[in-house]
Each structure stands twice: as structure tokens, then as C-alpha cells.
Amino acid sequence: MVDGDDRVLVSRYVLLDRSGDVVRAPEVPFEALRAAAPRTVVSTTRYDDHTYTARLPVFVRDAIVQAT
């Protein structure tokens, strides 16, 4: 069950300088990360006598951040 924006987000950050040159990037290519990530995960939370279980979709994104 997915309520609202419930999801797991996996982000791969690439940092660029002002000229657009890569300053830092993960060694793992985006496609490899996406292929390795599961499509969904199951999360169970327990508090006192209450239990909530949710199947959450997993999203993988490539975030590119450039210095200004």
C-alpha cells in the first residue's frame, strides 16, 4: 500500500564546477545503480501494540548539482 508520496529514493549525485566540469562523481554508473536497486521494498514499523506494513516503490535518480 502506498500513501501519498511514500517511497524510497536512491540518489546519485554528480557535482560540477561553474564551468560545467565534473568535480566529483560516484564510481558506480547510473545504469548500474538502477539495475541493482530493487523495484520495491517492504517496511514494517511497530510501536507498542500497533504494526504498519507498507510496500514502497524504489526510485533511482541522477542528481546533477552545479556550483553557481
PDB file of N, CA and C in Angstrom:
ATOM      1  N   MET A   1       0.844  -1.176   0.000  1.00  0.00           N
ATOM      2  CA  MET A   1       0.000   0.000   0.000  1.00  0.00           C
ATOM      3  C   MET A   1       0.886   1.235   0.000  1.00  0.00           C
ATOM      4  N   VAL A   2       0.621   2.167  -0.872  1.00  0.00           N
ATOM      5  CA  VAL A   2       1.390   3.404  -0.954  1.00  0.00           C
ATOM      6  C   VAL A   2       0.459   4.568  -0.688  1.00  0.00           C
ATOM      7  N   ASP A   3       0.799   5.370   0.308  1.00  0.00           N
ATOM      8  CA  ASP A   3       0.001   6.542   0.652  1.00  0.00           C
ATOM      9  C   ASP A   3       0.756   7.800   0.243  1.00  0.00           C
ATOM     10  N   GLY A   4       0.145   8.636  -0.574  1.00  0.00           N
ATOM     11  CA  GLY A   4       0.761   9.914  -0.926  1.00  0.00           C
ATOM     12  C   GLY A   4       2.110   9.756  -1.603  1.00  0.00           C
ATOM     13  N   ASP A   5       3.114  10.365  -1.005  1.00  0.00           N
ATOM     14  CA  ASP A   5       4.454  10.363  -1.580  1.00  0.00           C
ATOM     15  C   ASP A   5       5.375   9.340  -0.924  1.00  0.00           C
ATOM     16  N   ASP A   6       4.828   8.322  -0.290  1.00  0.00           N
ATOM     17  CA  ASP A   6       5.665   7.314   0.350  1.00  0.00           C
ATOM     18  C   ASP A   6       6.463   6.565  -0.699  1.00  0.00           C
ATOM     19  N   ARG A   7       7.777   6.582  -0.539  1.00  0.00           N
ATOM     20  CA  ARG A   7       8.660   5.907  -1.485  1.00  0.00           C
ATOM     21  C   ARG A   7      10.060   5.865  -0.895  1.00  0.00           C
ATOM     22  N   VAL A   8      10.898   5.087  -1.513  1.00  0.00           N
ATOM     23  CA  VAL A   8      12.322   5.062  -1.188  1.00  0.00           C
ATOM     24  C   VAL A   8      13.030   5.717  -2.355  1.00  0.00           C
ATOM     25  N   LEU A   9      13.880   6.680  -2.049  1.00  0.00           N
ATOM     26  CA  LEU A   9      14.583   7.418  -3.090  1.00  0.00           C
ATOM     27  C   LEU A   9      16.076   7.169  -2.961  1.00  0.00           C
ATOM     28  N   VAL A  10      16.683   6.684  -4.039  1.00  0.00           N
ATOM     29  CA  VAL A  10      18.124   6.476  -4.101  1.00  0.00           C
ATOM     30  C   VAL A  10      18.672   7.537  -5.046  1.00  0.00           C
ATOM     31  N   SER A  11      19.587   8.368  -4.525  1.00  0.00           N
ATOM     32  CA  SER A  11      20.126   9.466  -5.330  1.00  0.00           C
ATOM     33  C   SER A  11      21.619   9.275  -5.571  1.00  0.00           C
ATOM     34  N   ARG A  12      22.019   9.545  -6.790  1.00  0.00           N
ATOM     35  CA  ARG A  12      23.431   9.525  -7.183  1.00  0.00           C
ATOM     36  C   ARG A  12      23.775  10.954  -7.562  1.00  0.00           C
ATOM     37  N   TYR A  13      24.678  11.589  -6.798  1.00  0.00           N
ATOM     38  CA  TYR A  13      25.000  12.995  -7.012  1.00  0.00           C
ATOM     39  C   TYR A  13      26.279  13.173  -7.818  1.00  0.00           C
ATOM     40  N   VAL A  14      26.203  14.045  -8.819  1.00  0.00           N
ATOM     41  CA  VAL A  14      27.356  14.449  -9.612  1.00  0.00           C
ATOM     42  C   VAL A  14      27.521  15.946  -9.378  1.00  0.00           C
ATOM     43  N   LEU A  15      28.711  16.357  -8.931  1.00  0.00           N
ATOM     44  CA  LEU A  15      28.967  17.762  -8.653  1.00  0.00           C
ATOM     45  C   LEU A  15      29.807  18.369  -9.770  1.00  0.00           C
ATOM     46  N   LEU A  16      29.338  19.512 -10.278  1.00  0.00           N
ATOM     47  CA  LEU A  16      30.026  20.227 -11.352  1.00  0.00           C
ATOM     48  C   LEU A  16      30.520  21.577 -10.832  1.00  0.00           C
ATOM     49  N   ASP A  17      31.646  22.046 -11.389  1.00  0.00           N
ATOM     50  CA  ASP A  17      32.096  23.395 -11.046  1.00  0.00           C
ATOM     51  C   ASP A  17      31.337  24.398 -11.904  1.00  0.00           C
ATOM     52  N   ARG A  18      31.689  25.669 -11.793  1.00  0.00           N
ATOM     53  CA  ARG A  18      30.964  26.715 -12.531  1.00  0.00           C
ATOM     54  C   ARG A  18      31.074  26.550 -14.046  1.00  0.00           C
ATOM     55  N   SER A  19      32.165  25.940 -14.497  1.00  0.00           N
ATOM     56  CA  SER A  19      32.377  25.741 -15.939  1.00  0.00           C
ATOM     57  C   SER A  19      31.653  24.512 -16.476  1.00  0.00           C
ATOM     58  N   GLY A  20      31.103  23.718 -15.578  1.00  0.00           N
ATOM     59  CA  GLY A  20      30.411  22.506 -16.006  1.00  0.00           C
ATOM     60  C   GLY A  20      31.283  21.269 -15.992  1.00  0.00           C
ATOM     61  N   ASP A  21      32.516  21.403 -15.479  1.00  0.00           N
ATOM     62  CA  ASP A  21      33.410  20.248 -15.381  1.00  0.00           C
ATOM     63  C   ASP A  21      33.073  19.445 -14.130  1.00  0.00           C
ATOM     64  N   VAL A  22      33.182  18.124 -14.234  1.00  0.00           N
ATOM     65  CA  VAL A  22      32.874  17.243 -13.103  1.00  0.00           C
ATOM     66  C   VAL A  22      33.937  17.408 -12.026  1.00  0.00           C
ATOM     67  N   VAL A  23      33.486  17.743 -10.820  1.00  0.00           N
ATOM     68  CA  VAL A  23      34.362  17.868  -9.659  1.00  0.00           C
ATOM     69  C   VAL A  23      34.370  16.551  -8.885  1.00  0.00           C
ATOM     70  N   ARG A  24      33.199  15.961  -8.754  1.00  0.00           N
ATOM     71  CA  ARG A  24      33.078  14.711  -8.007  1.00  0.00           C
ATOM     72  C   ARG A  24      31.887  13.931  -8.557  1.00  0.00           C
ATOM     73  N   ALA A  25      32.106  12.631  -8.741  1.00  0.00           N
ATOM     74  CA  ALA A  25      31.043  11.752  -9.218  1.00  0.00           C
ATOM     75  C   ALA A  25      31.271  10.359  -8.634  1.00  0.00           C
ATOM     76  N   PRO A  26      30.211   9.640  -8.347  1.00  0.00           N
ATOM     77  CA  PRO A  26      30.358   8.273  -7.838  1.00  0.00           C
ATOM     78  C   PRO A  26      31.023   7.377  -8.885  1.00  0.00           C
ATOM     79  N   GLU A  27      31.710   6.359  -8.410  1.00  0.00           N
ATOM     80  CA  GLU A  27      32.341   5.406  -9.321  1.00  0.00           C
ATOM     81  C   GLU A  27      31.314   4.505  -9.994  1.00  0.00           C
ATOM     82  N   VAL A  28      30.165   4.356  -9.371  1.00  0.00           N
ATOM     83  CA  VAL A  28      29.121   3.479  -9.908  1.00  0.00           C
ATOM     84  C   VAL A  28      28.320   4.233 -10.960  1.00  0.00           C
ATOM     85  N   PRO A  29      28.255   3.733 -12.177  1.00  0.00           N
ATOM     86  CA  PRO A  29      27.437   4.396 -13.209  1.00  0.00           C
ATOM     87  C   PRO A  29      25.951   4.344 -12.851  1.00  0.00           C
ATOM     88  N   PHE A  30      25.211   5.329 -13.329  1.00  0.00           N
ATOM     89  CA  PHE A  30      23.787   5.412 -13.026  1.00  0.00           C
ATOM     90  C   PHE A  30      23.040   4.144 -13.438  1.00  0.00           C
ATOM     91  N   GLU A  31      23.310   3.654 -14.629  1.00  0.00           N
ATOM     92  CA  GLU A  31      22.592   2.460 -15.113  1.00  0.00           C
ATOM     93  C   GLU A  31      22.854   1.251 -14.222  1.00  0.00           C
ATOM     94  N   ALA A  32      24.077   1.130 -13.701  1.00  0.00           N
ATOM     95  CA  ALA A  32      24.396   0.010 -12.807  1.00  0.00           C
ATOM     96  C   ALA A  32      23.648   0.146 -11.488  1.00  0.00           C
ATOM     97  N   LEU A  33      23.569   1.370 -10.977  1.00  0.00           N
ATOM     98  CA  LEU A  33      22.819   1.606  -9.743  1.00  0.00           C
ATOM     99  C   LEU A  33      21.346   1.287  -9.934  1.00  0.00           C
ATOM    100  N   ARG A  34      20.795   1.754 -11.038  1.00  0.00           N
ATOM    101  CA  ARG A  34      19.383   1.493 -11.319  1.00  0.00           C
ATOM    102  C   ARG A  34      19.110  -0.001 -11.477  1.00  0.00           C
ATOM    103  N   ALA A  35      20.010  -0.708 -12.132  1.00  0.00           N
ATOM    104  CA  ALA A  35      19.826  -2.151 -12.325  1.00  0.00           C
ATOM    105  C   ALA A  35      19.927  -2.915 -11.000  1.00  0.00           C
ATOM    106  N   ALA A  36      20.741  -2.420 -10.069  1.00  0.00           N
ATOM    107  CA  ALA A  36      20.942  -3.116  -8.795  1.00  0.00           C
ATOM    108  C   ALA A  36      19.848  -2.821  -7.769  1.00  0.00           C
ATOM    109  N   ALA A  37      19.177  -1.699  -7.910  1.00  0.00           N
ATOM    110  CA  ALA A  37      18.146  -1.313  -6.936  1.00  0.00           C
ATOM    111  C   ALA A  37      16.896  -2.170  -7.123  1.00  0.00           C
ATOM    112  N   PRO A  38      16.269  -2.562  -6.019  1.00  0.00           N
ATOM    113  CA  PRO A  38      15.024  -3.328  -6.145  1.00  0.00           C
ATOM    114  C   PRO A  38      13.900  -2.425  -6.637  1.00  0.00           C
ATOM    115  N   ARG A  39      12.866  -3.013  -7.183  1.00  0.00           N
ATOM    116  CA  ARG A  39      11.705  -2.239  -7.648  1.00  0.00           C
ATOM    117  C   ARG A  39      10.856  -1.753  -6.473  1.00  0.00           C
ATOM    118  N   THR A  40      10.779  -2.580  -5.427  1.00  0.00           N
ATOM    119  CA  THR A  40      10.016  -2.229  -4.224  1.00  0.00           C
ATOM    120  C   THR A  40      10.736  -2.767  -2.993  1.00  0.00           C
ATOM    121  N   VAL A  41      10.389  -2.199  -1.842  1.00  0.00           N
ATOM    122  CA  VAL A  41      10.840  -2.720  -0.556  1.00  0.00           C
ATOM    123  C   VAL A  41       9.629  -2.814   0.361  1.00  0.00           C
ATOM    124  N   VAL A  42       9.703  -3.699   1.314  1.00  0.00           N
ATOM    125  CA  VAL A  42       8.640  -3.833   2.304  1.00  0.00           C
ATOM    126  C   VAL A  42       9.181  -3.325   3.635  1.00  0.00           C
ATOM    127  N   SER A  43       8.446  -2.406   4.241  1.00  0.00           N
ATOM    128  CA  SER A  43       8.846  -1.809   5.512  1.00  0.00           C
ATOM    129  C   SER A  43       7.765  -2.077   6.546  1.00  0.00           C
ATOM    130  N   THR A  44       8.183  -2.563   7.710  1.00  0.00           N
ATOM    131  CA  THR A  44       7.245  -2.793   8.803  1.00  0.00           C
ATOM    132  C   THR A  44       7.689  -1.968  10.003  1.00  0.00           C
ATOM    133  N   THR A  45       6.760  -1.199  10.535  1.00  0.00           N
ATOM    134  CA  THR A  45       7.020  -0.375  11.712  1.00  0.00           C
ATOM    135  C   THR A  45       6.135  -0.861  12.841  1.00  0.00           C
ATOM    136  N   ARG A  46       6.742  -1.045  13.997  1.00  0.00           N
ATOM    137  CA  ARG A  46       5.975  -1.487  15.166  1.00  0.00           C
ATOM    138  C   ARG A  46       6.155  -0.476  16.284  1.00  0.00           C
ATOM    139  N   TYR A  47       5.062  -0.120  16.932  1.00  0.00           N
ATOM    140  CA  TYR A  47       5.094   0.761  18.086  1.00  0.00           C
ATOM    141  C   TYR A  47       4.042   0.272  19.063  1.00  0.00           C
ATOM    142  N   ASP A  48       4.498  -0.111  20.237  1.00  0.00           N
ATOM    143  CA  ASP A  48       3.612  -0.718  21.227  1.00  0.00           C
ATOM    144  C   ASP A  48       2.873  -1.897  20.596  1.00  0.00           C
ATOM    145  N   ASP A  49       1.542  -1.836  20.558  1.00  0.00           N
ATOM    146  CA  ASP A  49       0.771  -2.948  20.001  1.00  0.00           C
ATOM    147  C   ASP A  49       0.283  -2.667  18.585  1.00  0.00           C
ATOM    148  N   HIS A  50       0.843  -1.643  17.917  1.00  0.00           N
ATOM    149  CA  HIS A  50       0.453  -1.287  16.561  1.00  0.00           C
ATOM    150  C   HIS A  50       1.547  -1.700  15.573  1.00  0.00           C
ATOM    151  N   THR A  51       1.119  -2.217  14.447  1.00  0.00           N
ATOM    152  CA  THR A  51       2.042  -2.604  13.378  1.00  0.00           C
ATOM    153  C   THR A  51       1.539  -2.038  12.062  1.00  0.00           C
ATOM    154  N   TYR A  52       2.458  -1.453  11.304  1.00  0.00           N
ATOM    155  CA  TYR A  52       2.116  -0.921   9.989  1.00  0.00           C
ATOM    156  C   TYR A  52       3.121  -1.472   8.989  1.00  0.00           C
ATOM    157  N   THR A  53       2.627  -2.110   7.939  1.00  0.00           N
ATOM    158  CA  THR A  53       3.484  -2.649   6.889  1.00  0.00           C
ATOM    159  C   THR A  53       3.113  -1.991   5.571  1.00  0.00           C
ATOM    160  N   ALA A  54       4.142  -1.579   4.832  1.00  0.00           N
ATOM    161  CA  ALA A  54       3.913  -0.930   3.541  1.00  0.00           C
ATOM    162  C   ALA A  54       4.904  -1.459   2.516  1.00  0.00           C
ATOM    163  N   ARG A  55       4.421  -1.661   1.323  1.00  0.00           N
ATOM    164  CA  ARG A  55       5.290  -1.982   0.176  1.00  0.00           C
ATOM    165  C   ARG A  55       5.522  -0.657  -0.544  1.00  0.00           C
ATOM    166  N   LEU A  56       6.779  -0.233  -0.602  1.00  0.00           N
ATOM    167  CA  LEU A  56       7.116   1.076  -1.142  1.00  0.00           C
ATOM    168  C   LEU A  56       7.893   0.949  -2.446  1.00  0.00           C
ATOM    169  N   PRO A  57       7.565   1.778  -3.430  1.00  0.00           N
ATOM    170  CA  PRO A  57       8.335   1.762  -4.670  1.00  0.00           C
ATOM    171  C   PRO A  57       9.705   2.407  -4.448  1.00  0.00           C
ATOM    172  N   VAL A  58      10.692   1.944  -5.202  1.00  0.00           N
ATOM    173  CA  VAL A  58      12.043   2.497  -5.125  1.00  0.00           C
ATOM    174  C   VAL A  58      12.300   3.300  -6.398  1.00  0.00           C
ATOM    175  N   PHE A  59      12.689   4.563  -6.223  1.00  0.00           N
ATOM    176  CA  PHE A  59      13.033   5.430  -7.338  1.00  0.00           C
ATOM    177  C   PHE A  59      14.523   5.718  -7.285  1.00  0.00           C
ATOM    178  N   VAL A  60      15.176   5.671  -8.429  1.00  0.00           N
ATOM    179  CA  VAL A  60      16.601   5.980  -8.529  1.00  0.00           C
ATOM    180  C   VAL A  60      16.730   7.219  -9.395  1.00  0.00           C
ATOM    181  N   ARG A  61      17.495   8.206  -8.904  1.00  0.00           N
ATOM    182  CA  ARG A  61      17.648   9.433  -9.686  1.00  0.00           C
ATOM    183  C   ARG A  61      19.115   9.829  -9.758  1.00  0.00           C
ATOM    184  N   ASP A  62      19.442  10.502 -10.822  1.00  0.00           N
ATOM    185  CA  ASP A  62      20.771  11.054 -11.027  1.00  0.00           C
ATOM    186  C   ASP A  62      20.633  12.553 -10.801  1.00  0.00           C
ATOM    187  N   ALA A  63      21.203  13.044  -9.727  1.00  0.00           N
ATOM    188  CA  ALA A  63      21.100  14.462  -9.399  1.00  0.00           C
ATOM    189  C   ALA A  63      22.402  15.152  -9.780  1.00  0.00           C
ATOM    190  N   ILE A  64      22.305  16.146 -10.638  1.00  0.00           N
ATOM    191  CA  ILE A  64      23.475  16.894 -11.074  1.00  0.00           C
ATOM    192  C   ILE A  64      23.412  18.277 -10.430  1.00  0.00           C
ATOM    193  N   VAL A  65      24.451  18.605  -9.663  1.00  0.00           N
ATOM    194  CA  VAL A  65      24.498  19.865  -8.935  1.00  0.00           C
ATOM    195  C   VAL A  65      25.677  20.672  -9.458  1.00  0.00           C
ATOM    196  N   GLN A  66      25.385  21.900  -9.888  1.00  0.00           N
ATOM    197  CA  GLN A  66      26.444  22.753 -10.426  1.00  0.00           C
ATOM    198  C   GLN A  66      26.639  23.970  -9.534  1.00  0.00           C
ATOM    199  N   ALA A  67      27.914  24.293  -9.266  1.00  0.00           N
ATOM    200  CA  ALA A  67      28.247  25.481  -8.470  1.00  0.00           C
ATOM    201  C   ALA A  67      27.813  26.735  -9.212  1.00  0.00           C
ATOM    202  N   THR A  68      27.366  27.712  -8.447  1.00  0.00           N
ATOM    203  CA  THR A  68      26.946  28.975  -9.064  1.00  0.00           C
ATOM    204  C   THR A  68      27.908  30.087  -8.731  1.00  0.00           C
TER     205      THR A  68
END
